[in-house]
Each structure stands twice: as structure tokens, then as C-alpha cells.
Amino acid sequence: MAVIQKFILVLVMLQPDGEFKIKSQLITECPPAETITMLMNAREAQGEFISWDGSCFPLVFKKPGSV
């Protein structure tokens, strides 16, 4: 049975008004953690949000009937 592997990138940002903004995206591979950290810390420093956290997770789907 064949499988399809994808990854989901999830970012959660704490906004200045106390609300949380969630961004998730299905991607073909996880970017380096250092890249995400650098980009998100730069956005935080610009005041776009107060704080953030995130992760990238693998997802595996079974594809029935494949040879």
C-alpha cells in the first residue's frame, strides 16, 4: 500500500489585544526551525504580535489500491 506524506506547519500568535491568531498550512517539507524562528522573531520585534509558538508535524496518509 502506498503512502502520501505531507507536513502541517502550525503557528499561533498572541495579538496585542489578547486574542490568538492561528495560521496552519499543509506543506511538502518542514522548513528549518532556525528559519522559522528568525522570521517570526523579526515579526515579533516589529510589533506584529506579542508572542508566538509553532511546530511542524508529519502526516502520513494511506493510499489504498496502489501498487
PDB file of N, CA and C in Angstrom:
ATOM      1  N   MET A   1       0.853  -1.179   0.000  1.00  0.00           N
ATOM      2  CA  MET A   1       0.000   0.000   0.000  1.00  0.00           C
ATOM      3  C   MET A   1       0.895   1.238   0.000  1.00  0.00           C
ATOM      4  N   ALA A   2       0.629   2.129  -0.906  1.00  0.00           N
ATOM      5  CA  ALA A   2       1.406   3.366  -0.995  1.00  0.00           C
ATOM      6  C   ALA A   2       0.962   4.349   0.081  1.00  0.00           C
ATOM      7  N   VAL A   3       1.855   5.236   0.413  1.00  0.00           N
ATOM      8  CA  VAL A   3       1.526   6.286   1.371  1.00  0.00           C
ATOM      9  C   VAL A   3       1.880   7.645   0.773  1.00  0.00           C
ATOM     10  N   ILE A   4       1.197   8.638   1.244  1.00  0.00           N
ATOM     11  CA  ILE A   4       1.481  10.027   0.888  1.00  0.00           C
ATOM     12  C   ILE A   4       1.887  10.722   2.173  1.00  0.00           C
ATOM     13  N   GLN A   5       3.038  11.373   2.160  1.00  0.00           N
ATOM     14  CA  GLN A   5       3.472  12.097   3.347  1.00  0.00           C
ATOM     15  C   GLN A   5       3.430  13.590   3.073  1.00  0.00           C
ATOM     16  N   LYS A   6       2.796  14.306   3.977  1.00  0.00           N
ATOM     17  CA  LYS A   6       2.738  15.759   3.959  1.00  0.00           C
ATOM     18  C   LYS A   6       3.130  16.243   5.352  1.00  0.00           C
ATOM     19  N   PHE A   7       3.266  17.533   5.479  1.00  0.00           N
ATOM     20  CA  PHE A   7       3.578  18.133   6.776  1.00  0.00           C
ATOM     21  C   PHE A   7       2.623  19.286   7.013  1.00  0.00           C
ATOM     22  N   ILE A   8       2.308  19.547   8.268  1.00  0.00           N
ATOM     23  CA  ILE A   8       1.477  20.695   8.601  1.00  0.00           C
ATOM     24  C   ILE A   8       2.291  21.631   9.489  1.00  0.00           C
ATOM     25  N   LEU A   9       2.352  22.876   9.086  1.00  0.00           N
ATOM     26  CA  LEU A   9       3.027  23.919   9.852  1.00  0.00           C
ATOM     27  C   LEU A   9       1.956  24.702  10.589  1.00  0.00           C
ATOM     28  N   VAL A  10       2.067  24.772  11.902  1.00  0.00           N
ATOM     29  CA  VAL A  10       1.089  25.477  12.737  1.00  0.00           C
ATOM     30  C   VAL A  10       1.812  26.580  13.500  1.00  0.00           C
ATOM     31  N   LEU A  11       1.328  27.808  13.347  1.00  0.00           N
ATOM     32  CA  LEU A  11       1.863  28.959  14.078  1.00  0.00           C
ATOM     33  C   LEU A  11       0.734  29.605  14.853  1.00  0.00           C
ATOM     34  N   VAL A  12       0.975  29.898  16.125  1.00  0.00           N
ATOM     35  CA  VAL A  12      -0.013  30.567  16.983  1.00  0.00           C
ATOM     36  C   VAL A  12       0.628  31.848  17.496  1.00  0.00           C
ATOM     37  N   MET A  13      -0.059  32.972  17.246  1.00  0.00           N
ATOM     38  CA  MET A  13       0.465  34.277  17.631  1.00  0.00           C
ATOM     39  C   MET A  13      -0.473  34.959  18.617  1.00  0.00           C
ATOM     40  N   LEU A  14       0.098  35.458  19.714  1.00  0.00           N
ATOM     41  CA  LEU A  14      -0.660  36.220  20.699  1.00  0.00           C
ATOM     42  C   LEU A  14      -0.668  37.675  20.242  1.00  0.00           C
ATOM     43  N   GLN A  15      -1.862  38.196  19.980  1.00  0.00           N
ATOM     44  CA  GLN A  15      -2.020  39.549  19.479  1.00  0.00           C
ATOM     45  C   GLN A  15      -2.003  40.569  20.631  1.00  0.00           C
ATOM     46  N   PRO A  16      -1.726  41.825  20.336  1.00  0.00           N
ATOM     47  CA  PRO A  16      -1.697  42.853  21.388  1.00  0.00           C
ATOM     48  C   PRO A  16      -3.012  42.989  22.158  1.00  0.00           C
ATOM     49  N   ASP A  17      -4.137  42.638  21.516  1.00  0.00           N
ATOM     50  CA  ASP A  17      -5.440  42.749  22.199  1.00  0.00           C
ATOM     51  C   ASP A  17      -5.773  41.507  23.036  1.00  0.00           C
ATOM     52  N   GLY A  18      -4.826  40.546  23.135  1.00  0.00           N
ATOM     53  CA  GLY A  18      -5.034  39.347  23.936  1.00  0.00           C
ATOM     54  C   GLY A  18      -5.628  38.181  23.169  1.00  0.00           C
ATOM     55  N   GLU A  19      -6.018  38.401  21.936  1.00  0.00           N
ATOM     56  CA  GLU A  19      -6.565  37.327  21.105  1.00  0.00           C
ATOM     57  C   GLU A  19      -5.433  36.493  20.516  1.00  0.00           C
ATOM     58  N   PHE A  20      -5.759  35.282  20.117  1.00  0.00           N
ATOM     59  CA  PHE A  20      -4.799  34.400  19.463  1.00  0.00           C
ATOM     60  C   PHE A  20      -5.140  34.286  17.984  1.00  0.00           C
ATOM     61  N   LYS A  21      -4.136  34.368  17.152  1.00  0.00           N
ATOM     62  CA  LYS A  21      -4.297  34.177  15.718  1.00  0.00           C
ATOM     63  C   LYS A  21      -3.573  32.881  15.370  1.00  0.00           C
ATOM     64  N   ILE A  22      -4.257  32.007  14.639  1.00  0.00           N
ATOM     65  CA  ILE A  22      -3.692  30.703  14.281  1.00  0.00           C
ATOM     66  C   ILE A  22      -3.533  30.634  12.770  1.00  0.00           C
ATOM     67  N   LYS A  23      -2.351  30.221  12.338  1.00  0.00           N
ATOM     68  CA  LYS A  23      -2.097  30.005  10.918  1.00  0.00           C
ATOM     69  C   LYS A  23      -1.606  28.581  10.758  1.00  0.00           C
ATOM     70  N   SER A  24      -2.257  27.834   9.878  1.00  0.00           N
ATOM     71  CA  SER A  24      -1.807  26.476   9.582  1.00  0.00           C
ATOM     72  C   SER A  24      -1.735  26.315   8.075  1.00  0.00           C
ATOM     73  N   GLN A  25      -0.752  25.526   7.657  1.00  0.00           N
ATOM     74  CA  GLN A  25      -0.545  25.347   6.229  1.00  0.00           C
ATOM     75  C   GLN A  25      -0.021  23.948   5.965  1.00  0.00           C
ATOM     76  N   LEU A  26      -0.600  23.273   4.975  1.00  0.00           N
ATOM     77  CA  LEU A  26      -0.123  21.968   4.548  1.00  0.00           C
ATOM     78  C   LEU A  26       1.036  22.193   3.586  1.00  0.00           C
ATOM     79  N   ILE A  27       2.189  21.585   3.880  1.00  0.00           N
ATOM     80  CA  ILE A  27       3.394  21.814   3.091  1.00  0.00           C
ATOM     81  C   ILE A  27       4.053  20.480   2.743  1.00  0.00           C
ATOM     82  N   THR A  28       5.014  20.502   1.819  1.00  0.00           N
ATOM     83  CA  THR A  28       5.659  19.260   1.382  1.00  0.00           C
ATOM     84  C   THR A  28       6.859  18.874   2.246  1.00  0.00           C
ATOM     85  N   GLU A  29       7.440  19.846   2.964  1.00  0.00           N
ATOM     86  CA  GLU A  29       8.516  19.540   3.908  1.00  0.00           C
ATOM     87  C   GLU A  29       8.594  20.652   4.948  1.00  0.00           C
ATOM     88  N   CYS A  30       9.061  20.297   6.129  1.00  0.00           N
ATOM     89  CA  CYS A  30       9.196  21.290   7.194  1.00  0.00           C
ATOM     90  C   CYS A  30      10.414  22.169   6.922  1.00  0.00           C
ATOM     91  N   PRO A  31      10.247  23.476   7.053  1.00  0.00           N
ATOM     92  CA  PRO A  31      11.411  24.356   6.918  1.00  0.00           C
ATOM     93  C   PRO A  31      12.314  24.193   8.141  1.00  0.00           C
ATOM     94  N   PRO A  32      13.575  24.590   8.015  1.00  0.00           N
ATOM     95  CA  PRO A  32      14.455  24.526   9.195  1.00  0.00           C
ATOM     96  C   PRO A  32      13.891  25.375  10.341  1.00  0.00           C
ATOM     97  N   ALA A  33      13.957  24.830  11.547  1.00  0.00           N
ATOM     98  CA  ALA A  33      13.434  25.550  12.711  1.00  0.00           C
ATOM     99  C   ALA A  33      14.094  26.911  12.869  1.00  0.00           C
ATOM    100  N   GLU A  34      15.376  27.002  12.545  1.00  0.00           N
ATOM    101  CA  GLU A  34      16.102  28.275  12.665  1.00  0.00           C
ATOM    102  C   GLU A  34      15.508  29.340  11.743  1.00  0.00           C
ATOM    103  N   THR A  35      15.070  28.934  10.555  1.00  0.00           N
ATOM    104  CA  THR A  35      14.471  29.874   9.602  1.00  0.00           C
ATOM    105  C   THR A  35      13.158  30.428  10.132  1.00  0.00           C
ATOM    106  N   ILE A  36      12.306  29.530  10.629  1.00  0.00           N
ATOM    107  CA  ILE A  36      11.019  29.968  11.188  1.00  0.00           C
ATOM    108  C   ILE A  36      11.254  30.880  12.385  1.00  0.00           C
ATOM    109  N   THR A  37      12.173  30.498  13.260  1.00  0.00           N
ATOM    110  CA  THR A  37      12.462  31.301  14.448  1.00  0.00           C
ATOM    111  C   THR A  37      12.948  32.692  14.060  1.00  0.00           C
ATOM    112  N   MET A  38      13.845  32.781  13.095  1.00  0.00           N
ATOM    113  CA  MET A  38      14.379  34.071  12.658  1.00  0.00           C
ATOM    114  C   MET A  38      13.263  34.949  12.078  1.00  0.00           C
ATOM    115  N   LEU A  39      12.443  34.379  11.202  1.00  0.00           N
ATOM    116  CA  LEU A  39      11.369  35.160  10.580  1.00  0.00           C
ATOM    117  C   LEU A  39      10.313  35.603  11.595  1.00  0.00           C
ATOM    118  N   MET A  40       9.918  34.682  12.471  1.00  0.00           N
ATOM    119  CA  MET A  40       8.873  35.022  13.445  1.00  0.00           C
ATOM    120  C   MET A  40       9.396  35.993  14.506  1.00  0.00           C
ATOM    121  N   ASN A  41      10.642  35.853  14.927  1.00  0.00           N
ATOM    122  CA  ASN A  41      11.201  36.799  15.895  1.00  0.00           C
ATOM    123  C   ASN A  41      11.307  38.202  15.296  1.00  0.00           C
ATOM    124  N   ALA A  42      11.612  38.299  14.006  1.00  0.00           N
ATOM    125  CA  ALA A  42      11.665  39.608  13.340  1.00  0.00           C
ATOM    126  C   ALA A  42      10.279  40.241  13.314  1.00  0.00           C
ATOM    127  N   ARG A  43       9.244  39.445  13.023  1.00  0.00           N
ATOM    128  CA  ARG A  43       7.871  39.975  13.017  1.00  0.00           C
ATOM    129  C   ARG A  43       7.443  40.396  14.424  1.00  0.00           C
ATOM    130  N   GLU A  44       7.856  39.615  15.430  1.00  0.00           N
ATOM    131  CA  GLU A  44       7.548  39.963  16.825  1.00  0.00           C
ATOM    132  C   GLU A  44       8.232  41.274  17.205  1.00  0.00           C
ATOM    133  N   ALA A  45       9.480  41.445  16.799  1.00  0.00           N
ATOM    134  CA  ALA A  45      10.230  42.667  17.107  1.00  0.00           C
ATOM    135  C   ALA A  45       9.605  43.895  16.457  1.00  0.00           C
ATOM    136  N   GLN A  46       8.935  43.704  15.330  1.00  0.00           N
ATOM    137  CA  GLN A  46       8.255  44.811  14.646  1.00  0.00           C
ATOM    138  C   GLN A  46       6.906  45.137  15.276  1.00  0.00           C
ATOM    139  N   GLY A  47       6.503  44.355  16.273  1.00  0.00           N
ATOM    140  CA  GLY A  47       5.254  44.625  16.985  1.00  0.00           C
ATOM    141  C   GLY A  47       4.028  44.017  16.340  1.00  0.00           C
ATOM    142  N   GLU A  48       4.232  43.096  15.413  1.00  0.00           N
ATOM    143  CA  GLU A  48       3.097  42.471  14.737  1.00  0.00           C
ATOM    144  C   GLU A  48       2.260  41.621  15.702  1.00  0.00           C
ATOM    145  N   PHE A  49       2.922  41.059  16.716  1.00  0.00           N
ATOM    146  CA  PHE A  49       2.265  40.296  17.768  1.00  0.00           C
ATOM    147  C   PHE A  49       3.163  40.315  18.995  1.00  0.00           C
ATOM    148  N   ILE A  50       2.602  39.892  20.137  1.00  0.00           N
ATOM    149  CA  ILE A  50       3.335  39.934  21.406  1.00  0.00           C
ATOM    150  C   ILE A  50       4.261  38.731  21.575  1.00  0.00           C
ATOM    151  N   SER A  51       3.747  37.565  21.195  1.00  0.00           N
ATOM    152  CA  SER A  51       4.493  36.333  21.378  1.00  0.00           C
ATOM    153  C   SER A  51       3.980  35.306  20.369  1.00  0.00           C
ATOM    154  N   TRP A  52       4.756  34.257  20.156  1.00  0.00           N
ATOM    155  CA  TRP A  52       4.341  33.235  19.205  1.00  0.00           C
ATOM    156  C   TRP A  52       4.920  31.881  19.590  1.00  0.00           C
ATOM    157  N   ASP A  53       4.337  30.846  19.047  1.00  0.00           N
ATOM    158  CA  ASP A  53       4.883  29.497  19.155  1.00  0.00           C
ATOM    159  C   ASP A  53       4.400  28.732  17.928  1.00  0.00           C
ATOM    160  N   GLY A  54       5.083  27.659  17.602  1.00  0.00           N
ATOM    161  CA  GLY A  54       4.684  26.892  16.432  1.00  0.00           C
ATOM    162  C   GLY A  54       5.434  25.588  16.321  1.00  0.00           C
ATOM    163  N   SER A  55       4.922  24.733  15.454  1.00  0.00           N
ATOM    164  CA  SER A  55       5.530  23.428  15.210  1.00  0.00           C
ATOM    165  C   SER A  55       5.196  22.969  13.803  1.00  0.00           C
ATOM    166  N   CYS A  56       5.988  22.019  13.343  1.00  0.00           N
ATOM    167  CA  CYS A  56       5.741  21.374  12.069  1.00  0.00           C
ATOM    168  C   CYS A  56       5.639  19.878  12.341  1.00  0.00           C
ATOM    169  N   PHE A  57       4.565  19.267  11.854  1.00  0.00           N
ATOM    170  CA  PHE A  57       4.306  17.860  12.138  1.00  0.00           C
ATOM    171  C   PHE A  57       4.172  17.056  10.855  1.00  0.00           C
ATOM    172  N   PRO A  58       4.683  15.832  10.834  1.00  0.00           N
ATOM    173  CA  PRO A  58       4.473  14.964   9.675  1.00  0.00           C
ATOM    174  C   PRO A  58       3.075  14.349   9.700  1.00  0.00           C
ATOM    175  N   LEU A  59       2.502  14.168   8.541  1.00  0.00           N
ATOM    176  CA  LEU A  59       1.220  13.489   8.373  1.00  0.00           C
ATOM    177  C   LEU A  59       1.416  12.392   7.327  1.00  0.00           C
ATOM    178  N   VAL A  60       0.886  11.217   7.576  1.00  0.00           N
ATOM    179  CA  VAL A  60       1.014  10.110   6.634  1.00  0.00           C
ATOM    180  C   VAL A  60      -0.387   9.604   6.294  1.00  0.00           C
ATOM    181  N   PHE A  61      -0.654   9.534   4.995  1.00  0.00           N
ATOM    182  CA  PHE A  61      -1.945   9.057   4.513  1.00  0.00           C
ATOM    183  C   PHE A  61      -1.739   7.783   3.714  1.00  0.00           C
ATOM    184  N   LYS A  62      -2.557   6.776   3.968  1.00  0.00           N
ATOM    185  CA  LYS A  62      -2.505   5.532   3.211  1.00  0.00           C
ATOM    186  C   LYS A  62      -3.331   5.700   1.945  1.00  0.00           C
ATOM    187  N   LYS A  63      -2.777   5.230   0.842  1.00  0.00           N
ATOM    188  CA  LYS A  63      -3.460   5.326  -0.441  1.00  0.00           C
ATOM    189  C   LYS A  63      -3.826   3.913  -0.883  1.00  0.00           C
ATOM    190  N   PRO A  64      -5.083   3.493  -0.628  1.00  0.00           N
ATOM    191  CA  PRO A  64      -5.469   2.112  -0.945  1.00  0.00           C
ATOM    192  C   PRO A  64      -5.493   1.875  -2.462  1.00  0.00           C
ATOM    193  N   GLY A  65      -5.238   0.627  -2.817  1.00  0.00           N
ATOM    194  CA  GLY A  65      -5.331   0.229  -4.204  1.00  0.00           C
ATOM    195  C   GLY A  65      -4.128   0.576  -5.046  1.00  0.00           C
ATOM    196  N   SER A  66      -3.078   1.113  -4.443  1.00  0.00           N
ATOM    197  CA  SER A  66      -1.870   1.464  -5.198  1.00  0.00           C
ATOM    198  C   SER A  66      -0.909   0.290  -5.243  1.00  0.00           C
ATOM    199  N   VAL A  67      -0.194   0.195  -6.290  1.00  0.00           N
ATOM    200  CA  VAL A  67       0.798  -0.874  -6.427  1.00  0.00           C
ATOM    201  C   VAL A  67       2.189  -0.287  -6.308  1.00  0.00           C
TER     202      VAL A  67
END
